[in-house]
Amino acid sequence: NDSQAIRALVLELKIMIHLGQHLNVVNLLGAVTTNIAKRELM
């Protein structure tokens, strides 16, 4: 129910998606967004 925190994690997810890959960055492997409407995001 923390809208601020879920939105911030969404921002992080979208930045990582469009960032690309690099050795010295923790890279994105995937995400679970099927229940994003219920504010469930992994």
ModelCIF file with pLDDT and N, C-alpha, C, O atoms, coordinates in Angstrom:
data_MODEL
#
_entry.id   MODEL 
#
_entity.id                         1 
_entity.type                       polymer 
_entity.pdbx_number_of_molecules   1 
#
_entity_poly.entity_id                      1 
_entity_poly.type                           'polypeptide(L)' 
_entity_poly.nstd_linkage                   no 
_entity_poly.nstd_monomer                   no 
_entity_poly.pdbx_seq_one_letter_code       NDSQAIRALVLELKIMIHLGQHLNVVNLLGAVTTNIAKRELM 
_entity_poly.pdbx_seq_one_letter_code_can   NDSQAIRALVLELKIMIHLGQHLNVVNLLGAVTTNIAKRELM 
_entity_poly.pdbx_strand_id                 A 
#
loop_
_entity_poly_seq.entity_id 
_entity_poly_seq.num 
_entity_poly_seq.mon_id 
_entity_poly_seq.hetero 
1 1  ASN n 
1 2  ASP n 
1 3  SER n 
1 4  GLN n 
1 5  ALA n 
1 6  ILE n 
1 7  ARG n 
1 8  ALA n 
1 9  LEU n 
1 10 VAL n 
1 11 LEU n 
1 12 GLU n 
1 13 LEU n 
1 14 LYS n 
1 15 ILE n 
1 16 MET n 
1 17 ILE n 
1 18 HIS n 
1 19 LEU n 
1 20 GLY n 
1 21 GLN n 
1 22 HIS n 
1 23 LEU n 
1 24 ASN n 
1 25 VAL n 
1 26 VAL n 
1 27 ASN n 
1 28 LEU n 
1 29 LEU n 
1 30 GLY n 
1 31 ALA n 
1 32 VAL n 
1 33 THR n 
1 34 THR n 
1 35 ASN n 
1 36 ILE n 
1 37 ALA n 
1 38 LYS n 
1 39 ARG n 
1 40 GLU n 
1 41 LEU n 
1 42 MET n 
#
_struct_asym.id          A 
_struct_asym.entity_id   1 
#
loop_
_ma_qa_metric.id 
_ma_qa_metric.mode 
_ma_qa_metric.name 
_ma_qa_metric.software_group_id 
_ma_qa_metric.type 
1 global pLDDT . pLDDT 
2 local  pLDDT . pLDDT 
#
_ma_qa_metric_global.metric_id      1 
_ma_qa_metric_global.metric_value   89.50 
_ma_qa_metric_global.model_id       1 
_ma_qa_metric_global.ordinal_id     1 
#
loop_
_ma_qa_metric_local.label_asym_id 
_ma_qa_metric_local.label_comp_id 
_ma_qa_metric_local.label_seq_id 
_ma_qa_metric_local.metric_id 
_ma_qa_metric_local.metric_value 
_ma_qa_metric_local.model_id 
_ma_qa_metric_local.ordinal_id 
A ASN 1  2 76.00 1 1  
A ASP 2  2 77.00 1 2  
A SER 3  2 80.00 1 3  
A GLN 4  2 79.00 1 4  
A ALA 5  2 82.00 1 5  
A ILE 6  2 86.00 1 6  
A ARG 7  2 83.00 1 7  
A ALA 8  2 82.00 1 8  
A LEU 9  2 88.00 1 9  
A VAL 10 2 89.00 1 10 
A LEU 11 2 86.00 1 11 
A GLU 12 2 87.00 1 12 
A LEU 13 2 91.00 1 13 
A LYS 14 2 90.00 1 14 
A ILE 15 2 89.00 1 15 
A MET 16 2 91.00 1 16 
A ILE 17 2 90.00 1 17 
A HIS 18 2 89.00 1 18 
A LEU 19 2 90.00 1 19 
A GLY 20 2 91.00 1 20 
A GLN 21 2 93.00 1 21 
A HIS 22 2 96.00 1 22 
A LEU 23 2 96.00 1 23 
A ASN 24 2 97.00 1 24 
A VAL 25 2 96.00 1 25 
A VAL 26 2 96.00 1 26 
A ASN 27 2 95.00 1 27 
A LEU 28 2 95.00 1 28 
A LEU 29 2 96.00 1 29 
A GLY 30 2 96.00 1 30 
A ALA 31 2 96.00 1 31 
A VAL 32 2 96.00 1 32 
A THR 33 2 94.00 1 33 
A THR 34 2 92.00 1 34 
A ASN 35 2 90.00 1 35 
A ILE 36 2 89.00 1 36 
A ALA 37 2 85.00 1 37 
A LYS 38 2 84.00 1 38 
A ARG 39 2 84.00 1 39 
A GLU 40 2 89.00 1 40 
A LEU 41 2 93.00 1 41 
A MET 42 2 95.00 1 42 
#
loop_
_atom_site.group_PDB 
_atom_site.id 
_atom_site.type_symbol 
_atom_site.label_atom_id 
_atom_site.label_alt_id 
_atom_site.label_comp_id 
_atom_site.label_asym_id 
_atom_site.label_entity_id 
_atom_site.label_seq_id 
_atom_site.pdbx_PDB_ins_code 
_atom_site.Cartn_x 
_atom_site.Cartn_y 
_atom_site.Cartn_z 
_atom_site.occupancy 
_atom_site.B_iso_or_equiv 
_atom_site.pdbx_formal_charge 
_atom_site.auth_seq_id 
_atom_site.auth_comp_id 
_atom_site.auth_asym_id 
_atom_site.auth_atom_id 
_atom_site.pdbx_PDB_model_num 
ATOM 1   N N  . ASN A 1 1  ? 0.809  -1.216  0.000   1.00 76.00 ? 1  ASN A N  1 
ATOM 2   C CA . ASN A 1 1  ? 0.000  0.000   0.000   1.00 76.00 ? 1  ASN A CA 1 
ATOM 3   C C  . ASN A 1 1  ? 0.845  1.270   0.000   1.00 76.00 ? 1  ASN A C  1 
ATOM 4   O O  . ASN A 1 1  ? 0.303  2.372   0.086   1.00 76.00 ? 1  ASN A O  1 
ATOM 5   N N  . ASP A 1 2  ? 2.162  1.126   -0.095  1.00 77.00 ? 2  ASP A N  1 
ATOM 6   C CA . ASP A 1 2  ? 3.058  2.276   -0.142  1.00 77.00 ? 2  ASP A CA 1 
ATOM 7   C C  . ASP A 1 2  ? 3.240  2.693   -1.608  1.00 77.00 ? 2  ASP A C  1 
ATOM 8   O O  . ASP A 1 2  ? 4.139  2.207   -2.294  1.00 77.00 ? 2  ASP A O  1 
ATOM 9   N N  . SER A 1 3  ? 2.377  3.595   -2.074  1.00 80.00 ? 3  SER A N  1 
ATOM 10  C CA . SER A 1 3  ? 2.405  4.008   -3.475  1.00 80.00 ? 3  SER A CA 1 
ATOM 11  C C  . SER A 1 3  ? 3.734  4.646   -3.852  1.00 80.00 ? 3  SER A C  1 
ATOM 12  O O  . SER A 1 3  ? 4.219  4.467   -4.969  1.00 80.00 ? 3  SER A O  1 
ATOM 13  N N  . GLN A 1 4  ? 4.314  5.381   -2.932  1.00 79.00 ? 4  GLN A N  1 
ATOM 14  C CA . GLN A 1 4  ? 5.572  6.070   -3.195  1.00 79.00 ? 4  GLN A CA 1 
ATOM 15  C C  . GLN A 1 4  ? 6.690  5.065   -3.453  1.00 79.00 ? 4  GLN A C  1 
ATOM 16  O O  . GLN A 1 4  ? 7.490  5.231   -4.373  1.00 79.00 ? 4  GLN A O  1 
ATOM 17  N N  . ALA A 1 5  ? 6.735  4.023   -2.630  1.00 82.00 ? 5  ALA A N  1 
ATOM 18  C CA . ALA A 1 5  ? 7.789  3.021   -2.758  1.00 82.00 ? 5  ALA A CA 1 
ATOM 19  C C  . ALA A 1 5  ? 7.607  2.187   -4.026  1.00 82.00 ? 5  ALA A C  1 
ATOM 20  O O  . ALA A 1 5  ? 8.586  1.895   -4.713  1.00 82.00 ? 5  ALA A O  1 
ATOM 21  N N  . ILE A 1 6  ? 6.366  1.799   -4.348  1.00 86.00 ? 6  ILE A N  1 
ATOM 22  C CA . ILE A 1 6  ? 6.137  0.986   -5.537  1.00 86.00 ? 6  ILE A CA 1 
ATOM 23  C C  . ILE A 1 6  ? 6.456  1.789   -6.790  1.00 86.00 ? 6  ILE A C  1 
ATOM 24  O O  . ILE A 1 6  ? 7.003  1.250   -7.752  1.00 86.00 ? 6  ILE A O  1 
ATOM 25  N N  . ARG A 1 7  ? 6.117  3.073   -6.784  1.00 83.00 ? 7  ARG A N  1 
ATOM 26  C CA . ARG A 1 7  ? 6.418  3.908   -7.944  1.00 83.00 ? 7  ARG A CA 1 
ATOM 27  C C  . ARG A 1 7  ? 7.932  4.054   -8.118  1.00 83.00 ? 7  ARG A C  1 
ATOM 28  O O  . ARG A 1 7  ? 8.436  4.017   -9.241  1.00 83.00 ? 7  ARG A O  1 
ATOM 29  N N  . ALA A 1 8  ? 8.650  4.217   -7.015  1.00 82.00 ? 8  ALA A N  1 
ATOM 30  C CA . ALA A 1 8  ? 10.100 4.347   -7.088  1.00 82.00 ? 8  ALA A CA 1 
ATOM 31  C C  . ALA A 1 8  ? 10.737 3.072   -7.631  1.00 82.00 ? 8  ALA A C  1 
ATOM 32  O O  . ALA A 1 8  ? 11.700 3.140   -8.396  1.00 82.00 ? 8  ALA A O  1 
ATOM 33  N N  . LEU A 1 9  ? 10.209 1.907   -7.243  1.00 88.00 ? 9  LEU A N  1 
ATOM 34  C CA . LEU A 1 9  ? 10.748 0.648   -7.750  1.00 88.00 ? 9  LEU A CA 1 
ATOM 35  C C  . LEU A 1 9  ? 10.421 0.482   -9.235  1.00 88.00 ? 9  LEU A C  1 
ATOM 36  O O  . LEU A 1 9  ? 11.215 -0.079  -9.990  1.00 88.00 ? 9  LEU A O  1 
ATOM 37  N N  . VAL A 1 10 ? 9.259  0.968   -9.647  1.00 89.00 ? 10 VAL A N  1 
ATOM 38  C CA . VAL A 1 10 ? 8.916  0.951   -11.067 1.00 89.00 ? 10 VAL A CA 1 
ATOM 39  C C  . VAL A 1 10 ? 9.898  1.814   -11.859 1.00 89.00 ? 10 VAL A C  1 
ATOM 40  O O  . VAL A 1 10 ? 10.345 1.417   -12.935 1.00 89.00 ? 10 VAL A O  1 
ATOM 41  N N  . LEU A 1 11 ? 10.233 2.988   -11.333 1.00 86.00 ? 11 LEU A N  1 
ATOM 42  C CA . LEU A 1 11 ? 11.202 3.859   -11.991 1.00 86.00 ? 11 LEU A CA 1 
ATOM 43  C C  . LEU A 1 11 ? 12.540 3.140   -12.142 1.00 86.00 ? 11 LEU A C  1 
ATOM 44  O O  . LEU A 1 11 ? 13.168 3.194   -13.200 1.00 86.00 ? 11 LEU A O  1 
ATOM 45  N N  . GLU A 1 12 ? 12.967 2.467   -11.076 1.00 87.00 ? 12 GLU A N  1 
ATOM 46  C CA . GLU A 1 12 ? 14.232 1.741   -11.119 1.00 87.00 ? 12 GLU A CA 1 
ATOM 47  C C  . GLU A 1 12 ? 14.187 0.632   -12.169 1.00 87.00 ? 12 GLU A C  1 
ATOM 48  O O  . GLU A 1 12 ? 15.142 0.438   -12.920 1.00 87.00 ? 12 GLU A O  1 
ATOM 49  N N  . LEU A 1 13 ? 13.061 -0.098  -12.213 1.00 91.00 ? 13 LEU A N  1 
ATOM 50  C CA . LEU A 1 13 ? 12.896 -1.179  -13.189 1.00 91.00 ? 13 LEU A CA 1 
ATOM 51  C C  . LEU A 1 13 ? 12.995 -0.644  -14.614 1.00 91.00 ? 13 LEU A C  1 
ATOM 52  O O  . LEU A 1 13 ? 13.703 -1.212  -15.446 1.00 91.00 ? 13 LEU A O  1 
ATOM 53  N N  . LYS A 1 14 ? 12.289 0.440   -14.893 1.00 90.00 ? 14 LYS A N  1 
ATOM 54  C CA . LYS A 1 14 ? 12.269 0.955   -16.266 1.00 90.00 ? 14 LYS A CA 1 
ATOM 55  C C  . LYS A 1 14 ? 13.627 1.529   -16.669 1.00 90.00 ? 14 LYS A C  1 
ATOM 56  O O  . LYS A 1 14 ? 14.042 1.398   -17.820 1.00 90.00 ? 14 LYS A O  1 
ATOM 57  N N  . ILE A 1 15 ? 14.309 2.156   -15.731 1.00 89.00 ? 15 ILE A N  1 
ATOM 58  C CA . ILE A 1 15 ? 15.657 2.652   -16.040 1.00 89.00 ? 15 ILE A CA 1 
ATOM 59  C C  . ILE A 1 15 ? 16.569 1.479   -16.377 1.00 89.00 ? 15 ILE A C  1 
ATOM 60  O O  . ILE A 1 15 ? 17.331 1.543   -17.343 1.00 89.00 ? 15 ILE A O  1 
ATOM 61  N N  . MET A 1 16 ? 16.497 0.404   -15.586 1.00 91.00 ? 16 MET A N  1 
ATOM 62  C CA . MET A 1 16 ? 17.369 -0.741  -15.820 1.00 91.00 ? 16 MET A CA 1 
ATOM 63  C C  . MET A 1 16 ? 17.049 -1.434  -17.148 1.00 91.00 ? 16 MET A C  1 
ATOM 64  O O  . MET A 1 16 ? 17.957 -1.926  -17.819 1.00 91.00 ? 16 MET A O  1 
ATOM 65  N N  . ILE A 1 17 ? 15.779 -1.478  -17.529 1.00 90.00 ? 17 ILE A N  1 
ATOM 66  C CA . ILE A 1 17 ? 15.387 -2.090  -18.800 1.00 90.00 ? 17 ILE A CA 1 
ATOM 67  C C  . ILE A 1 17 ? 16.056 -1.379  -19.968 1.00 90.00 ? 17 ILE A C  1 
ATOM 68  O O  . ILE A 1 17 ? 16.569 -2.017  -20.887 1.00 90.00 ? 17 ILE A O  1 
ATOM 69  N N  . HIS A 1 18 ? 16.044 -0.049  -19.924 1.00 89.00 ? 18 HIS A N  1 
ATOM 70  C CA . HIS A 1 18 ? 16.544 0.740   -21.053 1.00 89.00 ? 18 HIS A CA 1 
ATOM 71  C C  . HIS A 1 18 ? 18.015 1.114   -20.906 1.00 89.00 ? 18 HIS A C  1 
ATOM 72  O O  . HIS A 1 18 ? 18.600 1.719   -21.805 1.00 89.00 ? 18 HIS A O  1 
ATOM 73  N N  . LEU A 1 19 ? 18.608 0.756   -19.778 1.00 90.00 ? 19 LEU A N  1 
ATOM 74  C CA . LEU A 1 19 ? 20.003 1.096   -19.518 1.00 90.00 ? 19 LEU A CA 1 
ATOM 75  C C  . LEU A 1 19 ? 20.971 0.285   -20.355 1.00 90.00 ? 19 LEU A C  1 
ATOM 76  O O  . LEU A 1 19 ? 21.985 0.811   -20.815 1.00 90.00 ? 19 LEU A O  1 
ATOM 77  N N  . GLY A 1 20 ? 20.672 -0.997  -20.561 1.00 91.00 ? 20 GLY A N  1 
ATOM 78  C CA . GLY A 1 20 ? 21.629 -1.898  -21.190 1.00 91.00 ? 20 GLY A CA 1 
ATOM 79  C C  . GLY A 1 20 ? 22.445 -2.616  -20.127 1.00 91.00 ? 20 GLY A C  1 
ATOM 80  O O  . GLY A 1 20 ? 22.194 -2.463  -18.932 1.00 91.00 ? 20 GLY A O  1 
ATOM 81  N N  . GLN A 1 21 ? 23.423 -3.401  -20.567 1.00 93.00 ? 21 GLN A N  1 
ATOM 82  C CA . GLN A 1 21 ? 24.195 -4.271  -19.681 1.00 93.00 ? 21 GLN A CA 1 
ATOM 83  C C  . GLN A 1 21 ? 25.628 -3.779  -19.540 1.00 93.00 ? 21 GLN A C  1 
ATOM 84  O O  . GLN A 1 21 ? 26.207 -3.231  -20.477 1.00 93.00 ? 21 GLN A O  1 
ATOM 85  N N  . HIS A 1 22 ? 26.187 -3.984  -18.353 1.00 96.00 ? 22 HIS A N  1 
ATOM 86  C CA . HIS A 1 22 ? 27.596 -3.631  -18.126 1.00 96.00 ? 22 HIS A CA 1 
ATOM 87  C C  . HIS A 1 22 ? 28.140 -4.473  -16.980 1.00 96.00 ? 22 HIS A C  1 
ATOM 88  O O  . HIS A 1 22 ? 27.417 -4.809  -16.043 1.00 96.00 ? 22 HIS A O  1 
ATOM 89  N N  . LEU A 1 23 ? 29.420 -4.807  -17.068 1.00 96.00 ? 23 LEU A N  1 
ATOM 90  C CA . LEU A 1 23 ? 30.074 -5.619  -16.047 1.00 96.00 ? 23 LEU A CA 1 
ATOM 91  C C  . LEU A 1 23 ? 29.943 -5.016  -14.661 1.00 96.00 ? 23 LEU A C  1 
ATOM 92  O O  . LEU A 1 23 ? 29.726 -5.741  -13.690 1.00 96.00 ? 23 LEU A O  1 
ATOM 93  N N  . ASN A 1 24 ? 30.073 -3.695  -14.553 1.00 97.00 ? 24 ASN A N  1 
ATOM 94  C CA . ASN A 1 24 ? 30.163 -3.045  -13.247 1.00 97.00 ? 24 ASN A CA 1 
ATOM 95  C C  . ASN A 1 24 ? 28.854 -2.428  -12.770 1.00 97.00 ? 24 ASN A C  1 
ATOM 96  O O  . ASN A 1 24 ? 28.841 -1.504  -11.956 1.00 97.00 ? 24 ASN A O  1 
ATOM 97  N N  . VAL A 1 25 ? 27.757 -2.959  -13.296 1.00 96.00 ? 25 VAL A N  1 
ATOM 98  C CA . VAL A 1 25 ? 26.421 -2.555  -12.861 1.00 96.00 ? 25 VAL A CA 1 
ATOM 99  C C  . VAL A 1 25 ? 25.648 -3.830  -12.538 1.00 96.00 ? 25 VAL A C  1 
ATOM 100 O O  . VAL A 1 25 ? 25.784 -4.826  -13.249 1.00 96.00 ? 25 VAL A O  1 
ATOM 101 N N  . VAL A 1 26 ? 24.840 -3.817  -11.480 1.00 96.00 ? 26 VAL A N  1 
ATOM 102 C CA . VAL A 1 26 ? 23.977 -4.958  -11.204 1.00 96.00 ? 26 VAL A CA 1 
ATOM 103 C C  . VAL A 1 26 ? 22.904 -4.984  -12.290 1.00 96.00 ? 26 VAL A C  1 
ATOM 104 O O  . VAL A 1 26 ? 22.089 -4.066  -12.385 1.00 96.00 ? 26 VAL A O  1 
ATOM 105 N N  . ASN A 1 27 ? 22.905 -6.025  -13.099 1.00 95.00 ? 27 ASN A N  1 
ATOM 106 C CA . ASN A 1 27 ? 22.053 -6.063  -14.283 1.00 95.00 ? 27 ASN A CA 1 
ATOM 107 C C  . ASN A 1 27 ? 20.700 -6.707  -14.016 1.00 95.00 ? 27 ASN A C  1 
ATOM 108 O O  . ASN A 1 27 ? 20.559 -7.590  -13.170 1.00 95.00 ? 27 ASN A O  1 
ATOM 109 N N  . LEU A 1 28 ? 19.719 -6.235  -14.762 1.00 95.00 ? 28 LEU A N  1 
ATOM 110 C CA . LEU A 1 28 ? 18.358 -6.759  -14.666 1.00 95.00 ? 28 LEU A CA 1 
ATOM 111 C C  . LEU A 1 28 ? 18.265 -8.082  -15.411 1.00 95.00 ? 28 LEU A C  1 
ATOM 112 O O  . LEU A 1 28 ? 18.743 -8.200  -16.540 1.00 95.00 ? 28 LEU A O  1 
ATOM 113 N N  . LEU A 1 29 ? 17.645 -9.087  -14.774 1.00 96.00 ? 29 LEU A N  1 
ATOM 114 C CA . LEU A 1 29 ? 17.432 -10.380 -15.414 1.00 96.00 ? 29 LEU A CA 1 
ATOM 115 C C  . LEU A 1 29 ? 15.973 -10.592 -15.794 1.00 96.00 ? 29 LEU A C  1 
ATOM 116 O O  . LEU A 1 29 ? 15.681 -11.276 -16.775 1.00 96.00 ? 29 LEU A O  1 
ATOM 117 N N  . GLY A 1 30 ? 15.061 -10.014 -15.030 1.00 96.00 ? 30 GLY A N  1 
ATOM 118 C CA . GLY A 1 30 ? 13.642 -10.198 -15.312 1.00 96.00 ? 30 GLY A CA 1 
ATOM 119 C C  . GLY A 1 30 ? 12.791 -9.446  -14.305 1.00 96.00 ? 30 GLY A C  1 
ATOM 120 O O  . GLY A 1 30 ? 13.299 -8.768  -13.411 1.00 96.00 ? 30 GLY A O  1 
ATOM 121 N N  . ALA A 1 31 ? 11.477 -9.584  -14.475 1.00 96.00 ? 31 ALA A N  1 
ATOM 122 C CA . ALA A 1 31 ? 10.543 -8.917  -13.557 1.00 96.00 ? 31 ALA A CA 1 
ATOM 123 C C  . ALA A 1 31 ? 9.225  -9.672  -13.556 1.00 96.00 ? 31 ALA A C  1 
ATOM 124 O O  . ALA A 1 31 ? 8.864  -10.319 -14.539 1.00 96.00 ? 31 ALA A O  1 
ATOM 125 N N  . VAL A 1 32 ? 8.515  -9.581  -12.449 1.00 96.00 ? 32 VAL A N  1 
ATOM 126 C CA . VAL A 1 32 ? 7.171  -10.142 -12.330 1.00 96.00 ? 32 VAL A CA 1 
ATOM 127 C C  . VAL A 1 32 ? 6.218  -8.974  -12.135 1.00 96.00 ? 32 VAL A C  1 
ATOM 128 O O  . VAL A 1 32 ? 6.223  -8.320  -11.092 1.00 96.00 ? 32 VAL A O  1 
ATOM 129 N N  . THR A 1 33 ? 5.397  -8.718  -13.154 1.00 94.00 ? 33 THR A N  1 
ATOM 130 C CA . THR A 1 33 ? 4.521  -7.533  -13.117 1.00 94.00 ? 33 THR A CA 1 
ATOM 131 C C  . THR A 1 33 ? 3.055  -7.882  -13.333 1.00 94.00 ? 33 THR A C  1 
ATOM 132 O O  . THR A 1 33 ? 2.226  -6.981  -13.456 1.00 94.00 ? 33 THR A O  1 
ATOM 133 N N  . THR A 1 34 ? 2.715  -9.171  -13.384 1.00 92.00 ? 34 THR A N  1 
ATOM 134 C CA . THR A 1 34 ? 1.345  -9.571  -13.726 1.00 92.00 ? 34 THR A CA 1 
ATOM 135 C C  . THR A 1 34 ? 0.315  -9.016  -12.754 1.00 92.00 ? 34 THR A C  1 
ATOM 136 O O  . THR A 1 34 ? -0.839 -8.802  -13.124 1.00 92.00 ? 34 THR A O  1 
ATOM 137 N N  . ASN A 1 35 ? 0.729  -8.782  -11.510 1.00 90.00 ? 35 ASN A N  1 
ATOM 138 C CA . ASN A 1 35 ? -0.193 -8.226  -10.508 1.00 90.00 ? 35 ASN A CA 1 
ATOM 139 C C  . ASN A 1 35 ? 0.178  -6.800  -10.128 1.00 90.00 ? 35 ASN A C  1 
ATOM 140 O O  . ASN A 1 35 ? -0.016 -6.377  -8.988  1.00 90.00 ? 35 ASN A O  1 
ATOM 141 N N  . ILE A 1 36 ? 0.717  -6.063  -11.102 1.00 89.00 ? 36 ILE A N  1 
ATOM 142 C CA . ILE A 1 36 ? 1.134  -4.692  -10.822 1.00 89.00 ? 36 ILE A CA 1 
ATOM 143 C C  . ILE A 1 36 ? -0.051 -3.845  -10.382 1.00 89.00 ? 36 ILE A C  1 
ATOM 144 O O  . ILE A 1 36 ? 0.119  -2.913  -9.597  1.00 89.00 ? 36 ILE A O  1 
ATOM 145 N N  . ALA A 1 37 ? -1.271 -4.157  -10.881 1.00 85.00 ? 37 ALA A N  1 
ATOM 146 C CA . ALA A 1 37 ? -2.456 -3.406  -10.476 1.00 85.00 ? 37 ALA A CA 1 
ATOM 147 C C  . ALA A 1 37 ? -2.743 -3.572  -8.992  1.00 85.00 ? 37 ALA A C  1 
ATOM 148 O O  . ALA A 1 37 ? -3.348 -2.707  -8.360  1.00 85.00 ? 37 ALA A O  1 
ATOM 149 N N  . LYS A 1 38 ? -2.295 -4.705  -8.443  1.00 84.00 ? 38 LYS A N  1 
ATOM 150 C CA . LYS A 1 38 ? -2.448 -4.936  -6.998  1.00 84.00 ? 38 LYS A CA 1 
ATOM 151 C C  . LYS A 1 38 ? -1.185 -4.531  -6.248  1.00 84.00 ? 38 LYS A C  1 
ATOM 152 O O  . LYS A 1 38 ? -0.982 -4.880  -5.086  1.00 84.00 ? 38 LYS A O  1 
ATOM 153 N N  . ARG A 1 39 ? -0.334 -3.773  -6.966  1.00 84.00 ? 39 ARG A N  1 
ATOM 154 C CA . ARG A 1 39 ? 0.905  -3.223  -6.399  1.00 84.00 ? 39 ARG A CA 1 
ATOM 155 C C  . ARG A 1 39 ? 1.884  -4.322  -5.981  1.00 84.00 ? 39 ARG A C  1 
ATOM 156 O O  . ARG A 1 39 ? 2.642  -4.169  -5.023  1.00 84.00 ? 39 ARG A O  1 
ATOM 157 N N  . GLU A 1 40 ? 1.850  -5.412  -6.710  1.00 89.00 ? 40 GLU A N  1 
ATOM 158 C CA . GLU A 1 40 ? 2.827  -6.478  -6.500  1.00 89.00 ? 40 GLU A CA 1 
ATOM 159 C C  . GLU A 1 40 ? 3.841  -6.416  -7.628  1.00 89.00 ? 40 GLU A C  1 
ATOM 160 O O  . GLU A 1 40 ? 3.485  -6.580  -8.795  1.00 89.00 ? 40 GLU A O  1 
ATOM 161 N N  . LEU A 1 41 ? 5.093  -6.182  -7.289  1.00 93.00 ? 41 LEU A N  1 
ATOM 162 C CA . LEU A 1 41 ? 6.159  -6.054  -8.287  1.00 93.00 ? 41 LEU A CA 1 
ATOM 163 C C  . LEU A 1 41 ? 7.414  -6.734  -7.767  1.00 93.00 ? 41 LEU A C  1 
ATOM 164 O O  . LEU A 1 41 ? 7.812  -6.526  -6.621  1.00 93.00 ? 41 LEU A O  1 
ATOM 165 N N  . MET A 1 42 ? 8.033  -7.544  -8.610  1.00 95.00 ? 42 MET A N  1 
ATOM 166 C CA . MET A 1 42 ? 9.291  -8.196  -8.272  1.00 95.00 ? 42 MET A CA 1 
ATOM 167 C C  . MET A 1 42 ? 10.313 -7.858  -9.345  1.00 95.00 ? 42 MET A C  1 
ATOM 168 O O  . MET A 1 42 ? 11.459 -8.303  -9.268  1.00 95.00 ? 42 MET A O  1 
#
